[in-house]
PDB file of N, CA and C in Angstrom:
ATOM      1  N   MET A   1       1.023  -7.776  12.033  1.00  0.00           N
ATOM      2  CA  MET A   1       1.649  -6.445  11.655  1.00  0.00           C
ATOM      3  C   MET A   1       2.447  -6.517  10.351  1.00  0.00           C
ATOM      4  N   TRP A   2       2.957  -7.979  10.043  1.00  0.00           N
ATOM      5  CA  TRP A   2       3.632  -7.960   9.052  1.00  0.00           C
ATOM      6  C   TRP A   2       3.268  -7.753   7.716  1.00  0.00           C
ATOM      7  N   LYS A   3       1.493  -8.223   7.467  1.00  0.00           N
ATOM      8  CA  LYS A   3       0.794  -7.908   6.686  1.00  0.00           C
ATOM      9  C   LYS A   3       0.580  -6.551   6.024  1.00  0.00           C
ATOM     10  N   GLN A   4       0.428  -5.572   6.693  1.00  0.00           N
ATOM     11  CA  GLN A   4       0.574  -4.271   6.545  1.00  0.00           C
ATOM     12  C   GLN A   4       1.531  -3.889   5.921  1.00  0.00           C
ATOM     13  N   TRP A   5       2.668  -4.122   6.348  1.00  0.00           N
ATOM     14  CA  TRP A   5       3.986  -3.674   5.628  1.00  0.00           C
ATOM     15  C   TRP A   5       4.445  -4.317   4.009  1.00  0.00           C
ATOM     16  N   VAL A   6       3.797  -5.651   4.081  1.00  0.00           N
ATOM     17  CA  VAL A   6       3.707  -6.339   2.535  1.00  0.00           C
ATOM     18  C   VAL A   6       2.597  -5.673   1.797  1.00  0.00           C
ATOM     19  N   ASN A   7       1.703  -5.403   2.206  1.00  0.00           N
ATOM     20  CA  ASN A   7       0.819  -4.212   1.219  1.00  0.00           C
ATOM     21  C   ASN A   7       1.339  -3.008   1.071  1.00  0.00           C
ATOM     22  N   ALA A   8       2.048  -2.614   2.007  1.00  0.00           N
ATOM     23  CA  ALA A   8       2.897  -1.340   1.631  1.00  0.00           C
ATOM     24  C   ALA A   8       3.308  -1.624   0.425  1.00  0.00           C
ATOM     25  N   VAL A   9       4.460  -2.357   0.581  1.00  0.00           N
ATOM     26  CA  VAL A   9       5.643  -2.879  -0.263  1.00  0.00           C
ATOM     27  C   VAL A   9       5.066  -2.882  -1.708  1.00  0.00           C
ATOM     28  N   LEU A  10       3.992  -3.858  -1.679  1.00  0.00           N
ATOM     29  CA  LEU A  10       3.183  -4.056  -2.887  1.00  0.00           C
ATOM     30  C   LEU A  10       2.625  -2.810  -3.635  1.00  0.00           C
ATOM     31  N   GLY A  11       2.098  -2.191  -2.900  1.00  0.00           N
ATOM     32  CA  GLY A  11       1.455  -0.823  -3.053  1.00  0.00           C
ATOM     33  C   GLY A  11       2.479   0.038  -3.600  1.00  0.00           C
ATOM     34  N   LEU A  12       3.737  -0.047  -3.513  1.00  0.00           N
ATOM     35  CA  LEU A  12       4.534   0.789  -3.756  1.00  0.00           C
ATOM     36  C   LEU A  12       4.903  -0.064  -5.382  1.00  0.00           C
ATOM     37  N   ALA A  13       5.495  -1.514  -5.245  1.00  0.00           N
ATOM     38  CA  ALA A  13       5.601  -2.114  -6.823  1.00  0.00           C
ATOM     39  C   ALA A  13       4.584  -1.516  -7.601  1.00  0.00           C
ATOM     40  N   VAL A  14       3.181  -1.858  -7.257  1.00  0.00           N
ATOM     41  CA  VAL A  14       2.046  -1.272  -8.218  1.00  0.00           C
ATOM     42  C   VAL A  14       2.271   0.168  -8.654  1.00  0.00           C
ATOM     43  N   LEU A  15       2.654   0.872  -7.869  1.00  0.00           N
ATOM     44  CA  LEU A  15       2.972   2.379  -7.852  1.00  0.00           C
ATOM     45  C   LEU A  15       4.031   2.601  -9.388  1.00  0.00           C
ATOM     46  N   ALA A  16       5.156   1.793  -8.765  1.00  0.00           N
ATOM     47  CA  ALA A  16       6.246   1.951  -9.753  1.00  0.00           C
ATOM     48  C   ALA A  16       6.129   1.333 -11.231  1.00  0.00           C
ATOM     49  N   THR A  17       5.244   0.295 -11.347  1.00  0.00           N
ATOM     50  CA  THR A  17       4.944  -0.661 -12.713  1.00  0.00           C
ATOM     51  C   THR A  17       4.759   0.314 -13.847  1.00  0.00           C
ATOM     52  N   PRO A  18       3.831   1.475 -13.520  1.00  0.00           N
ATOM     53  CA  PRO A  18       3.464   2.194 -14.999  1.00  0.00           C
ATOM     54  C   PRO A  18       4.990   2.611 -15.655  1.00  0.00           C
ATOM     55  N   PHE A  19       5.831   3.273 -14.631  1.00  0.00           N
ATOM     56  CA  PHE A  19       6.540   4.063 -15.063  1.00  0.00           C
ATOM     57  C   PHE A  19       7.996   3.193 -16.011  1.00  0.00           C
ATOM     58  N   LEU A  20       7.475   1.925 -15.892  1.00  0.00           N
ATOM     59  CA  LEU A  20       8.560   1.311 -16.742  1.00  0.00           C
ATOM     60  C   LEU A  20       8.068   0.892 -18.238  1.00  0.00           C
ATOM     61  N   ASN A  21       7.427   1.750 -18.446  1.00  0.00           N
ATOM     62  CA  ASN A  21       6.779   2.026 -20.067  1.00  0.00           C
ATOM     63  C   ASN A  21       6.349   0.661 -20.483  1.00  0.00           C
ATOM     64  N   LEU A  22       5.400   0.138 -19.452  1.00  0.00           N
ATOM     65  CA  LEU A  22       4.656  -1.431 -19.901  1.00  0.00           C
ATOM     66  C   LEU A  22       3.534  -1.234 -20.339  1.00  0.00           C
ATOM     67  N   SER A  23       3.123  -0.335 -20.428  1.00  0.00           N
ATOM     68  CA  SER A  23       1.423  -0.107 -20.528  1.00  0.00           C
ATOM     69  C   SER A  23       1.181   1.592 -21.097  1.00  0.00           C
ATOM     70  N   SER A  24      -0.239   1.682 -21.703  1.00  0.00           N
ATOM     71  CA  SER A  24      -0.739   2.918 -22.102  1.00  0.00           C
ATOM     72  C   SER A  24      -0.900   3.894 -21.072  1.00  0.00           C
ATOM     73  N   GLU A  25      -1.171   5.036 -21.565  1.00  0.00           N
ATOM     74  CA  GLU A  25      -1.215   6.323 -20.585  1.00  0.00           C
ATOM     75  C   GLU A  25      -2.382   5.839 -19.787  1.00  0.00           C
ATOM     76  N   THR A  26      -3.609   5.581 -19.917  1.00  0.00           N
ATOM     77  CA  THR A  26      -4.790   5.110 -19.124  1.00  0.00           C
ATOM     78  C   THR A  26      -4.633   4.149 -18.351  1.00  0.00           C
ATOM     79  N   ALA A  27      -4.131   3.076 -18.400  1.00  0.00           N
ATOM     80  CA  ALA A  27      -3.287   1.960 -17.173  1.00  0.00           C
ATOM     81  C   ALA A  27      -2.323   2.659 -16.622  1.00  0.00           C
ATOM     82  N   THR A  28      -1.484   3.583 -16.966  1.00  0.00           N
ATOM     83  CA  THR A  28      -0.407   4.268 -16.218  1.00  0.00           C
ATOM     84  C   THR A  28      -1.243   5.182 -14.835  1.00  0.00           C
ATOM     85  N   TRP A  29      -2.059   5.596 -15.449  1.00  0.00           N
ATOM     86  CA  TRP A  29      -2.859   6.456 -14.700  1.00  0.00           C
ATOM     87  C   TRP A  29      -3.874   5.534 -13.486  1.00  0.00           C
ATOM     88  N   THR A  30      -3.833   4.521 -13.888  1.00  0.00           N
ATOM     89  CA  THR A  30      -4.963   3.820 -13.118  1.00  0.00           C
ATOM     90  C   THR A  30      -4.180   3.104 -11.938  1.00  0.00           C
ATOM     91  N   LEU A  31      -3.004   2.870 -12.336  1.00  0.00           N
ATOM     92  CA  LEU A  31      -1.927   1.740 -11.607  1.00  0.00           C
ATOM     93  C   LEU A  31      -1.627   2.787 -10.554  1.00  0.00           C
ATOM     94  N   ALA A  32      -0.884   3.876 -10.951  1.00  0.00           N
ATOM     95  CA  ALA A  32      -0.444   4.786 -10.232  1.00  0.00           C
ATOM     96  C   ALA A  32      -1.456   5.511  -9.286  1.00  0.00           C
ATOM     97  N   ILE A  33      -2.832   5.407  -9.405  1.00  0.00           N
ATOM     98  CA  ILE A  33      -3.495   5.608  -8.457  1.00  0.00           C
ATOM     99  C   ILE A  33      -3.801   4.512  -7.256  1.00  0.00           C
ATOM    100  N   ALA A  34      -3.997   3.564  -8.080  1.00  0.00           N
ATOM    101  CA  ALA A  34      -4.083   2.661  -7.352  1.00  0.00           C
ATOM    102  C   ALA A  34      -3.430   2.124  -5.957  1.00  0.00           C
ATOM    103  N   GLY A  35      -2.110   2.401  -6.588  1.00  0.00           N
ATOM    104  CA  GLY A  35      -0.652   2.117  -5.952  1.00  0.00           C
ATOM    105  C   GLY A  35      -0.528   2.909  -4.778  1.00  0.00           C
ATOM    106  N   ILE A  36      -1.033   4.353  -5.296  1.00  0.00           N
ATOM    107  CA  ILE A  36      -0.953   5.166  -4.160  1.00  0.00           C
ATOM    108  C   ILE A  36      -2.012   4.846  -3.248  1.00  0.00           C
ATOM    109  N   ALA A  37      -3.120   4.741  -3.262  1.00  0.00           N
ATOM    110  CA  ALA A  37      -4.258   4.291  -2.358  1.00  0.00           C
ATOM    111  C   ALA A  37      -3.680   3.098  -1.282  1.00  0.00           C
ATOM    112  N   VAL A  38      -3.315   1.959  -2.219  1.00  0.00           N
ATOM    113  CA  VAL A  38      -2.717   0.795  -1.334  1.00  0.00           C
ATOM    114  C   VAL A  38      -1.776   1.174  -0.311  1.00  0.00           C
ATOM    115  N   ALA A  39      -0.843   1.736  -0.967  1.00  0.00           N
ATOM    116  CA  ALA A  39       0.235   2.250  -0.117  1.00  0.00           C
ATOM    117  C   ALA A  39       0.071   3.136   0.918  1.00  0.00           C
ATOM    118  N   VAL A  40      -0.772   4.270   0.820  1.00  0.00           N
ATOM    119  CA  VAL A  40      -1.206   5.078   2.084  1.00  0.00           C
ATOM    120  C   VAL A  40      -2.049   4.313   2.669  1.00  0.00           C
ATOM    121  N   LEU A  41      -2.833   3.528   2.324  1.00  0.00           N
ATOM    122  CA  LEU A  41      -3.839   2.661   3.466  1.00  0.00           C
ATOM    123  C   LEU A  41      -3.325   1.683   4.300  1.00  0.00           C
ATOM    124  N   ALA A  42      -2.452   1.069   3.598  1.00  0.00           N
ATOM    125  CA  ALA A  42      -1.406   0.232   4.158  1.00  0.00           C
ATOM    126  C   ALA A  42      -0.487   0.448   5.251  1.00  0.00           C
ATOM    127  N   LEU A  43       0.106   1.620   4.583  1.00  0.00           N
ATOM    128  CA  LEU A  43       1.204   2.367   5.981  1.00  0.00           C
ATOM    129  C   LEU A  43       0.297   2.878   7.155  1.00  0.00           C
ATOM    130  N   TRP A  44      -0.689   3.419   6.699  1.00  0.00           N
ATOM    131  CA  TRP A  44      -1.970   4.103   8.067  1.00  0.00           C
ATOM    132  C   TRP A  44      -1.930   3.012   8.937  1.00  0.00           C
ATOM    133  N   SER A  45      -2.546   1.458   8.193  1.00  0.00           N
ATOM    134  CA  SER A  45      -2.821   0.490   9.099  1.00  0.00           C
ATOM    135  C   SER A  45      -1.704   0.087   9.680  1.00  0.00           C
ATOM    136  N   ALA A  46      -0.538   0.195   9.286  1.00  0.00           N
ATOM    137  CA  ALA A  46       0.517  -0.195   9.787  1.00  0.00           C
ATOM    138  C   ALA A  46       1.003   0.422  10.918  1.00  0.00           C
ATOM    139  N   VAL A  47       1.039   1.987  11.162  1.00  0.00           N
ATOM    140  CA  VAL A  47       1.316   2.890  11.896  1.00  0.00           C
ATOM    141  C   VAL A  47       0.235   2.783  12.771  1.00  0.00           C
ATOM    142  N   LYS A  48      -1.296   2.854  12.445  1.00  0.00           N
ATOM    143  CA  LYS A  48      -2.264   2.885  13.536  1.00  0.00           C
ATOM    144  C   LYS A  48      -2.460   1.790  14.677  1.00  0.00           C
ATOM    145  N   TYR A  49      -2.160   0.708  14.257  1.00  0.00           N
ATOM    146  CA  TYR A  49      -2.030  -0.632  14.871  1.00  0.00           C
ATOM    147  C   TYR A  49      -1.026  -1.472  14.922  1.00  0.00           C
ATOM    148  N   SER A  50       0.007  -0.472  15.222  1.00  0.00           N
ATOM    149  CA  SER A  50       1.320  -0.971  15.713  1.00  0.00           C
ATOM    150  C   SER A  50       1.272  -1.613  17.203  1.00  0.00           C
ATOM    151  N   PRO A  51       2.265  -2.766  17.448  1.00  0.00           N
ATOM    152  CA  PRO A  51       2.540  -3.559  18.993  1.00  0.00           C
ATOM    153  C   PRO A  51       2.319  -2.402  20.127  1.00  0.00           C
ATOM    154  N   GLY A  52       2.640  -1.346  20.104  1.00  0.00           N
ATOM    155  CA  GLY A  52       2.937  -0.458  20.910  1.00  0.00           C
ATOM    156  C   GLY A  52       2.010   0.355  21.174  1.00  0.00           C
ATOM    157  N   ARG A  53       0.939   0.438  20.507  1.00  0.00           N
ATOM    158  CA  ARG A  53      -0.269   1.206  20.748  1.00  0.00           C
ATOM    159  C   ARG A  53      -1.545   0.377  21.163  1.00  0.00           C
ATOM    160  N   HIS A  54      -2.418   1.059  22.043  1.00  0.00           N
ATOM    161  CA  HIS A  54      -3.772   0.450  22.223  1.00  0.00           C
ATOM    162  C   HIS A  54      -4.528   0.293  21.446  1.00  0.00           C
ATOM    163  N   SER A  55      -5.448  -0.495  21.038  1.00  0.00           N
ATOM    164  CA  SER A  55      -6.181  -0.840  19.933  1.00  0.00           C
ATOM    165  C   SER A  55      -7.105  -1.740  20.773  1.00  0.00           C
ATOM    166  N   THR A  56      -8.619  -1.165  19.847  1.00  0.00           N
ATOM    167  CA  THR A  56      -9.435  -1.828  20.342  1.00  0.00           C
ATOM    168  C   THR A  56      -9.873  -3.052  19.392  1.00  0.00           C
ATOM    169  N   PHE A  57      -8.695  -3.744  18.502  1.00  0.00           N
ATOM    170  CA  PHE A  57      -9.207  -4.664  18.084  1.00  0.00           C
ATOM    171  C   PHE A  57      -7.909  -5.998  19.028  1.00  0.00           C
ATOM    172  N   ALA A  58      -8.547  -7.141  18.562  1.00  0.00           N
ATOM    173  CA  ALA A  58      -7.401  -7.913  18.815  1.00  0.00           C
ATOM    174  C   ALA A  58      -6.359  -8.345  18.163  1.00  0.00           C
ATOM    175  N   HIS A  59      -5.006  -8.047  18.427  1.00  0.00           N
ATOM    176  CA  HIS A  59      -3.900  -8.698  17.784  1.00  0.00           C
ATOM    177  C   HIS A  59      -3.739  -9.932  17.440  1.00  0.00           C
ATOM    178  N   ARG A  60      -3.722 -10.548  16.198  1.00  0.00           N
ATOM    179  CA  ARG A  60      -3.683 -12.091  15.767  1.00  0.00           C
ATOM    180  C   ARG A  60      -2.224 -12.544  15.622  1.00  0.00           C
TER     181      ARG A  60
END
């Protein structure tokens, strides 16, 4: 489960990176959209497969 939370943090970091004025407008939007996608999917995975819930997947 810790992997999903790491993905969420990394996704939020990617989302924040373009707003530090380090890249062009196109790169800013690309990084923002990618960051949102990674963060949302990671958070969704972390909540959906939390240890307290029944899942068809084996927990490793």
